[in-house]
């Protein structure tokens, strides 16, 4: 029952997002976007995404994509996909009033019904992003605390 509800919540957001953005991405690719979103929130918390923050998000994206696709994609394909993810994150960031609660509540539900390591990975990525540029600011720390409390870690 929980898995069915979790899946339906995810599918509803996936459909709404794809319809709204006029894009078509697979479910597994959309899940990556949900997992990256908290780190992007940390990066934009101080209204300035710097090179190091962007690089960490890009590396994490590459790592996940590599696990999914392995050697099926060329370096150029990976680079294009990483750029596409970053562009989607920027678009979400420009429309936080529409997407933030939906993405965080979906992430919360996913983490509550997944191994604890998934939530820990999300938090670890947020912490890496916040530490990458001149240490963690108070506003970045608060974003991490809020999301950690949402996903119950």
C-alpha atoms as a PDB file:
ATOM      1  CA  UNK A   1       0.000   0.000   0.000  1.00  0.00           C
ATOM      2  CA  UNK A   2       2.723   2.501   0.957  1.00  0.00           C
ATOM      3  CA  UNK A   3       4.735   1.654  -2.152  1.00  0.00           C
ATOM      4  CA  UNK A   4       1.650   2.232  -4.302  1.00  0.00           C
ATOM      5  CA  UNK A   5       0.948   5.586  -2.626  1.00  0.00           C
ATOM      6  CA  UNK A   6       4.622   6.598  -2.873  1.00  0.00           C
ATOM      7  CA  UNK A   7       4.639   5.655  -6.523  1.00  0.00           C
ATOM      8  CA  UNK A   8       1.425   7.592  -7.203  1.00  0.00           C
ATOM      9  CA  UNK A   9       2.711  10.738  -5.456  1.00  0.00           C
ATOM     10  CA  UNK A  10       5.893  10.516  -7.512  1.00  0.00           C
ATOM     11  CA  UNK A  11       3.992   9.870 -10.766  1.00  0.00           C
ATOM     12  CA  UNK A  12       1.644  12.793 -10.148  1.00  0.00           C
ATOM     13  CA  UNK A  13       4.532  15.218  -9.663  1.00  0.00           C
ATOM     14  CA  UNK A  14       6.398  13.724 -12.621  1.00  0.00           C
ATOM     15  CA  UNK A  15       3.394  14.238 -14.888  1.00  0.00           C
ATOM     16  CA  UNK A  16       2.668  17.740 -13.596  1.00  0.00           C
ATOM     17  CA  UNK A  17       6.292  18.793 -14.017  1.00  0.00           C
ATOM     18  CA  UNK A  18       6.657  17.346 -17.516  1.00  0.00           C
ATOM     19  CA  UNK A  19       3.359  18.893 -18.635  1.00  0.00           C
ATOM     20  CA  UNK A  20       4.249  22.264 -17.138  1.00  0.00           C
ATOM     21  CA  UNK A  21       7.762  22.341 -18.598  1.00  0.00           C
ATOM     22  CA  UNK A  22       6.709  20.732 -21.880  1.00  0.00           C
ATOM     23  CA  UNK A  23       9.414  18.085 -21.552  1.00  0.00           C
ATOM     24  CA  UNK A  24       9.482  14.311 -21.514  1.00  0.00           C
ATOM     25  CA  UNK A  25      11.906  12.684 -19.107  1.00  0.00           C
ATOM     26  CA  UNK A  26      11.856   9.143 -17.821  1.00  0.00           C
ATOM     27  CA  UNK A  27      10.831   8.416 -14.251  1.00  0.00           C
ATOM     28  CA  UNK A  28      14.347   7.421 -13.204  1.00  0.00           C
ATOM     29  CA  UNK A  29      15.709  10.673 -14.621  1.00  0.00           C
ATOM     30  CA  UNK A  30      13.027  12.670 -12.818  1.00  0.00           C
ATOM     31  CA  UNK A  31      13.943  10.927  -9.559  1.00  0.00           C
ATOM     32  CA  UNK A  32      17.490  12.236 -10.007  1.00  0.00           C
ATOM     33  CA  UNK A  33      16.083  15.763 -10.325  1.00  0.00           C
ATOM     34  CA  UNK A  34      14.182  15.331  -7.050  1.00  0.00           C
ATOM     35  CA  UNK A  35      17.330  14.059  -5.313  1.00  0.00           C
ATOM     36  CA  UNK A  36      19.417  16.983  -6.647  1.00  0.00           C
ATOM     37  CA  UNK A  37      16.877  19.647  -5.744  1.00  0.00           C
ATOM     38  CA  UNK A  38      17.829  20.056  -2.042  1.00  0.00           C
ATOM     39  CA  UNK A  39      21.488  20.615  -2.954  1.00  0.00           C
ATOM     40  CA  UNK A  40      20.411  23.257  -5.449  1.00  0.00           C
ATOM     41  CA  UNK A  41      18.328  24.928  -2.710  1.00  0.00           C
ATOM     42  CA  UNK A  42      21.471  25.123  -0.605  1.00  0.00           C
ATOM     43  CA  UNK A  43      23.430  26.541  -3.548  1.00  0.00           C
ATOM     44  CA  UNK A  44      20.883  29.310  -4.185  1.00  0.00           C
ATOM     45  CA  UNK A  45      20.309  30.089  -0.504  1.00  0.00           C
ATOM     46  CA  UNK A  46      22.782  32.975  -0.622  1.00  0.00           C
ATOM     47  CA  UNK A  47      21.500  34.114  -4.046  1.00  0.00           C
ATOM     48  CA  UNK A  48      24.787  33.154  -5.666  1.00  0.00           C
ATOM     49  CA  UNK A  49      25.596  29.743  -7.143  1.00  0.00           C
ATOM     50  CA  UNK A  50      29.342  29.701  -7.492  1.00  0.00           C
ATOM     51  CA  UNK A  51      31.550  27.499  -9.632  1.00  0.00           C
ATOM     52  CA  UNK A  52      32.403  25.070  -6.824  1.00  0.00           C
ATOM     53  CA  UNK A  53      28.767  24.507  -5.883  1.00  0.00           C
ATOM     54  CA  UNK A  54      27.816  23.949  -9.506  1.00  0.00           C
ATOM     55  CA  UNK A  55      30.744  21.554  -9.936  1.00  0.00           C
ATOM     56  CA  UNK A  56      29.728  19.427  -6.936  1.00  0.00           C
ATOM     57  CA  UNK A  57      26.142  19.183  -8.183  1.00  0.00           C
ATOM     58  CA  UNK A  58      27.467  18.275 -11.640  1.00  0.00           C
ATOM     59  CA  UNK A  59      29.785  15.585 -10.262  1.00  0.00           C
ATOM     60  CA  UNK A  60      26.999  14.034  -8.212  1.00  0.00           C
ATOM     61  CA  UNK A  61      24.772  14.075 -11.296  1.00  0.00           C
ATOM     62  CA  UNK A  62      27.518  12.376 -13.298  1.00  0.00           C
ATOM     63  CA  UNK A  63      27.965   9.720 -10.616  1.00  0.00           C
ATOM     64  CA  UNK A  64      24.272   8.841 -10.612  1.00  0.00           C
ATOM     65  CA  UNK A  65      24.044   8.847 -14.403  1.00  0.00           C
ATOM     66  CA  UNK A  66      27.142   6.637 -14.605  1.00  0.00           C
ATOM     67  CA  UNK A  67      25.481   4.099 -12.333  1.00  0.00           C
ATOM     68  CA  UNK A  68      22.392   4.081 -14.524  1.00  0.00           C
ATOM     69  CA  UNK A  69      23.972   4.180 -17.969  1.00  0.00           C
ATOM     70  CA  UNK A  70      27.505   2.921 -17.402  1.00  0.00           C
ATOM     71  CA  UNK A  71      29.466   2.935 -20.635  1.00  0.00           C
ATOM     72  CA  UNK A  72      26.395   3.387 -22.831  1.00  0.00           C
ATOM     73  CA  UNK A  73      26.932   7.144 -23.144  1.00  0.00           C
ATOM     74  CA  UNK A  74      29.787   9.205 -24.490  1.00  0.00           C
ATOM     75  CA  UNK A  75      31.456  11.952 -22.479  1.00  0.00           C
ATOM     76  CA  UNK A  76      29.584  14.495 -24.606  1.00  0.00           C
ATOM     77  CA  UNK A  77      26.280  12.751 -23.816  1.00  0.00           C
ATOM     78  CA  UNK A  78      27.028  12.910 -20.089  1.00  0.00           C
ATOM     79  CA  UNK A  79      28.008  16.573 -20.380  1.00  0.00           C
ATOM     80  CA  UNK A  80      24.767  17.378 -22.199  1.00  0.00           C
ATOM     81  CA  UNK A  81      22.711  15.524 -19.599  1.00  0.00           C
ATOM     82  CA  UNK A  82      24.470  17.250 -16.697  1.00  0.00           C
ATOM     83  CA  UNK A  83      23.829  20.623 -18.333  1.00  0.00           C
ATOM     84  CA  UNK A  84      20.182  19.690 -18.917  1.00  0.00           C
ATOM     85  CA  UNK A  85      19.767  18.755 -15.242  1.00  0.00           C
ATOM     86  CA  UNK A  86      21.333  22.008 -14.173  1.00  0.00           C
ATOM     87  CA  UNK A  87      19.036  23.956 -16.502  1.00  0.00           C
ATOM     88  CA  UNK A  88      16.029  22.155 -15.019  1.00  0.00           C
ATOM     89  CA  UNK A  89      17.222  22.964 -11.498  1.00  0.00           C
ATOM     90  CA  UNK A  90      17.566  26.627 -12.493  1.00  0.00           C
ATOM     91  CA  UNK A  91      14.053  26.602 -13.903  1.00  0.00           C
ATOM     92  CA  UNK A  92      12.700  25.100 -10.695  1.00  0.00           C
ATOM     93  CA  UNK A  93      14.688  27.669  -8.715  1.00  0.00           C
ATOM     94  CA  UNK A  94      13.090  30.466 -10.722  1.00  0.00           C
ATOM     95  CA  UNK A  95       9.669  29.053  -9.808  1.00  0.00           C
ATOM     96  CA  UNK A  96      10.162  27.995  -6.200  1.00  0.00           C
ATOM     97  CA  UNK A  97       6.695  29.146  -5.193  1.00  0.00           C
ATOM     98  CA  UNK A  98       5.269  26.536  -7.565  1.00  0.00           C
ATOM     99  CA  UNK A  99       7.699  23.640  -7.082  1.00  0.00           C
ATOM    100  CA  UNK A 100       9.552  23.769  -3.764  1.00  0.00           C
ATOM    101  CA  UNK A 101       6.855  22.299  -1.517  1.00  0.00           C
ATOM    102  CA  UNK A 102       5.909  19.670  -4.089  1.00  0.00           C
ATOM    103  CA  UNK A 103       9.494  18.512  -4.605  1.00  0.00           C
ATOM    104  CA  UNK A 104      10.308  18.497  -0.886  1.00  0.00           C
ATOM    105  CA  UNK A 105       7.116  16.660   0.084  1.00  0.00           C
ATOM    106  CA  UNK A 106       7.730  14.064  -2.634  1.00  0.00           C
ATOM    107  CA  UNK A 107      11.338  13.687  -1.510  1.00  0.00           C
ATOM    108  CA  UNK A 108      10.153  13.341   2.082  1.00  0.00           C
ATOM    109  CA  UNK A 109       7.781  10.559   1.146  1.00  0.00           C
ATOM    110  CA  UNK A 110      10.405   8.804  -0.974  1.00  0.00           C
ATOM    111  CA  UNK A 111      12.969   8.966   1.838  1.00  0.00           C
ATOM    112  CA  UNK A 112      10.460   7.740   4.423  1.00  0.00           C
ATOM    113  CA  UNK A 113       9.857   4.646   2.331  1.00  0.00           C
ATOM    114  CA  UNK A 114      13.436   3.976   1.205  1.00  0.00           C
ATOM    115  CA  UNK A 115      16.623   2.830   2.913  1.00  0.00           C
ATOM    116  CA  UNK A 116      17.969   5.452   5.316  1.00  0.00           C
ATOM    117  CA  UNK A 117      21.091   5.729   3.168  1.00  0.00           C
ATOM    118  CA  UNK A 118      19.103   7.598   0.505  1.00  0.00           C
ATOM    119  CA  UNK A 119      18.216  10.413   2.896  1.00  0.00           C
ATOM    120  CA  UNK A 120      21.764  10.463   4.225  1.00  0.00           C
ATOM    121  CA  UNK A 121      23.087  10.851   0.666  1.00  0.00           C
ATOM    122  CA  UNK A 122      20.791  13.821   0.082  1.00  0.00           C
ATOM    123  CA  UNK A 123      21.997  15.464   3.290  1.00  0.00           C
ATOM    124  CA  UNK A 124      25.626  14.694   2.528  1.00  0.00           C
ATOM    125  CA  UNK A 125      25.316  16.343  -0.897  1.00  0.00           C
ATOM    126  CA  UNK A 126      23.736  19.431   0.663  1.00  0.00           C
ATOM    127  CA  UNK A 127      26.574  19.630   3.187  1.00  0.00           C
ATOM    128  CA  UNK A 128      29.209  19.257   0.468  1.00  0.00           C
ATOM    129  CA  UNK A 129      27.622  22.053  -1.540  1.00  0.00           C
ATOM    130  CA  UNK A 130      27.431  24.346   1.494  1.00  0.00           C
ATOM    131  CA  UNK A 131      31.036  23.680   2.495  1.00  0.00           C
ATOM    132  CA  UNK A 132      32.419  24.193  -1.004  1.00  0.00           C
ATOM    133  CA  UNK A 133      32.497  27.977  -0.994  1.00  0.00           C
ATOM    134  CA  UNK A 134      33.872  29.838   1.989  1.00  0.00           C
ATOM    135  CA  UNK A 135      32.289  27.428   4.435  1.00  0.00           C
ATOM    136  CA  UNK A 136      28.682  26.981   5.391  1.00  0.00           C
ATOM    137  CA  UNK A 137      26.678  30.194   5.770  1.00  0.00           C
ATOM    138  CA  UNK A 138      23.898  30.525   8.334  1.00  0.00           C
ATOM    139  CA  UNK A 139      21.230  30.517   5.628  1.00  0.00           C
ATOM    140  CA  UNK A 140      22.693  27.377   4.003  1.00  0.00           C
ATOM    141  CA  UNK A 141      22.804  25.710   7.411  1.00  0.00           C
ATOM    142  CA  UNK A 142      19.134  26.558   7.967  1.00  0.00           C
ATOM    143  CA  UNK A 143      18.153  25.080   4.575  1.00  0.00           C
ATOM    144  CA  UNK A 144      19.965  21.853   5.484  1.00  0.00           C
ATOM    145  CA  UNK A 145      18.308  21.716   8.906  1.00  0.00           C
ATOM    146  CA  UNK A 146      14.843  22.305   7.426  1.00  0.00           C
ATOM    147  CA  UNK A 147      15.216  19.628   4.766  1.00  0.00           C
ATOM    148  CA  UNK A 148      16.821  17.180   7.200  1.00  0.00           C
ATOM    149  CA  UNK A 149      13.866  17.618   9.543  1.00  0.00           C
ATOM    150  CA  UNK A 150      11.469  17.058   6.641  1.00  0.00           C
ATOM    151  CA  UNK A 151      13.118  13.797   5.662  1.00  0.00           C
ATOM    152  CA  UNK A 152      13.395  12.833   9.332  1.00  0.00           C
ATOM    153  CA  UNK A 153      17.170  12.591   9.583  1.00  0.00           C
END
